[in-house]
Protein backbone atom coordinates (compact mmCIF):
# COMPACT_ATOMS: atom_id res chain seq x y z
CA MET A 1 7.49 -4.88 -21.59
CA ASP A 2 5.84 -2.30 -19.31
CA LYS A 3 8.00 -0.17 -17.08
CA CYS A 4 6.39 -1.73 -14.01
CA CYS A 5 7.28 -5.26 -15.02
CA ASN A 6 11.02 -4.73 -15.32
CA SER A 7 11.43 -2.28 -12.47
CA ASP A 8 13.23 -2.73 -9.19
CA ARG A 9 10.41 -0.86 -7.46
CA HIS A 10 8.17 -2.70 -5.02
CA ALA A 11 4.83 -1.91 -3.43
CA LYS A 12 4.80 -1.02 0.23
CA HIS A 13 1.42 -2.28 1.41
CA SER A 14 0.58 -3.14 4.98
CA GLU A 15 0.18 -6.82 5.74
CA GLU A 16 -3.48 -6.15 6.53
CA LEU A 17 -4.15 -4.55 3.14
CA LYS A 18 -2.21 -7.24 1.33
CA ALA A 19 -4.23 -9.95 3.12
CA LYS A 20 -7.51 -8.21 2.20
CA MET A 21 -6.49 -7.95 -1.45
CA ILE A 22 -5.39 -11.60 -1.54
CA ASN A 23 -8.74 -12.64 -0.01
CA ARG A 24 -10.53 -10.65 -2.69
CA ILE A 25 -8.52 -12.23 -5.50
CA ASN A 26 -9.16 -15.69 -4.06
CA ARG A 27 -12.92 -15.00 -4.21
CA ILE A 28 -12.55 -13.74 -7.78
CA GLU A 29 -10.69 -16.91 -8.74
CA GLY A 30 -13.58 -18.89 -7.30
CA GLN A 31 -16.06 -16.85 -9.33
CA VAL A 32 -14.11 -17.46 -12.54
CA ARG A 33 -13.88 -21.19 -11.81
CA GLY A 34 -17.65 -21.09 -11.22
CA VAL A 35 -18.17 -19.53 -14.65
CA LYS A 36 -16.09 -22.31 -16.23
CA LYS A 37 -18.14 -24.95 -14.43
CA MET A 38 -21.36 -23.29 -15.53
CA LEU A 39 -20.16 -23.37 -19.15
CA GLU A 40 -19.22 -27.04 -18.84
CA GLN A 41 -22.67 -27.80 -17.41
CA ASN A 42 -24.51 -25.84 -20.14
CA VAL A 43 -26.10 -23.47 -17.62
CA TYR A 44 -28.48 -20.91 -19.08
CA CYS A 45 -26.53 -18.09 -20.78
CA ASP A 46 -28.12 -15.26 -18.80
CA ASP A 47 -27.04 -16.89 -15.53
CA ILE A 48 -23.46 -17.18 -16.81
CA ILE A 49 -23.48 -13.54 -17.92
CA THR A 50 -24.62 -12.57 -14.42
CA GLN A 51 -21.66 -14.43 -12.91
CA ILE A 52 -19.23 -12.86 -15.40
CA SER A 53 -20.59 -9.41 -14.49
CA ALA A 54 -20.09 -10.18 -10.79
CA ALA A 55 -16.48 -11.25 -11.42
CA LYS A 56 -15.80 -8.10 -13.46
CA SER A 57 -17.29 -5.96 -10.72
CA ALA A 58 -15.12 -7.69 -8.12
CA LEU A 59 -12.00 -7.09 -10.23
CA ASN A 60 -12.93 -3.43 -10.65
CA SER A 61 -13.39 -3.12 -6.90
CA LEU A 62 -9.98 -4.69 -6.27
CA SER A 63 -8.45 -2.34 -8.83
CA GLN A 64 -9.94 0.66 -7.02
CA VAL A 65 -8.58 -0.49 -3.65
CA LEU A 66 -5.14 -1.07 -5.13
CA PHE A 67 -5.18 2.28 -6.96
CA GLU A 68 -6.11 4.15 -3.77
CA ALA A 69 -3.28 2.39 -1.93
CA HIS A 70 -0.94 3.26 -4.81
CA LEU A 71 -1.92 6.93 -4.62
CA ASN A 72 -1.48 7.05 -0.85
CA SER A 73 1.90 5.34 -0.81
CA CYS A 74 3.89 5.01 -4.03
CA ILE A 75 2.67 8.20 -5.72
CA VAL A 76 3.00 10.36 -2.59
CA GLU A 77 6.51 9.01 -2.01
CA GLN A 78 7.56 9.77 -5.58
CA ILE A 79 6.08 13.27 -5.48
CA ARG A 80 8.01 13.95 -2.28
CA SER A 81 11.21 12.72 -3.91
CA GLU A 82 10.44 14.95 -6.90
CA SER A 83 10.44 12.09 -9.38
CA PRO A 84 10.21 13.71 -12.82
CA ASP A 85 8.22 10.89 -14.41
CA ILE A 86 5.54 10.46 -11.76
CA MET A 87 2.79 12.46 -13.46
CA GLU A 88 3.27 10.60 -16.74
CA GLU A 89 3.14 7.28 -14.89
CA LEU A 90 0.01 8.31 -13.02
CA GLN A 91 -1.69 9.41 -16.25
CA GLN A 92 -0.82 6.08 -17.90
CA THR A 93 -2.22 4.20 -14.92
CA ILE A 94 -5.48 6.15 -15.06
CA ARG A 95 -5.76 5.52 -18.82
CA LYS A 96 -5.31 1.78 -18.22
CA MET A 97 -8.03 1.80 -15.58
CA LEU A 98 -10.43 3.73 -17.78
CA LYS A 99 -10.11 1.21 -20.64
CA ASN A 100 -12.33 -1.15 -18.67
């Protein structure tokens, strides 16, 4: 299990940012449901691929927003507290993002 999944740490996002990210993920869920419906209705493949690309782009955009928030809050806080593992964690996070 990843370190983040069994940690007692929690994000410290503003309610406004959290609401914006939740709105984005709700739209992404709608896009994915739309892709499923298109598959069920035998929509032309190219049209489905376009929708999949749009959903992937929306997820990447959400990831960027979350990463920027992470840098500006969690990472800054851990650097200030001189956390010894913060650079390794940051490098792992960047590697995960670049796999896309």
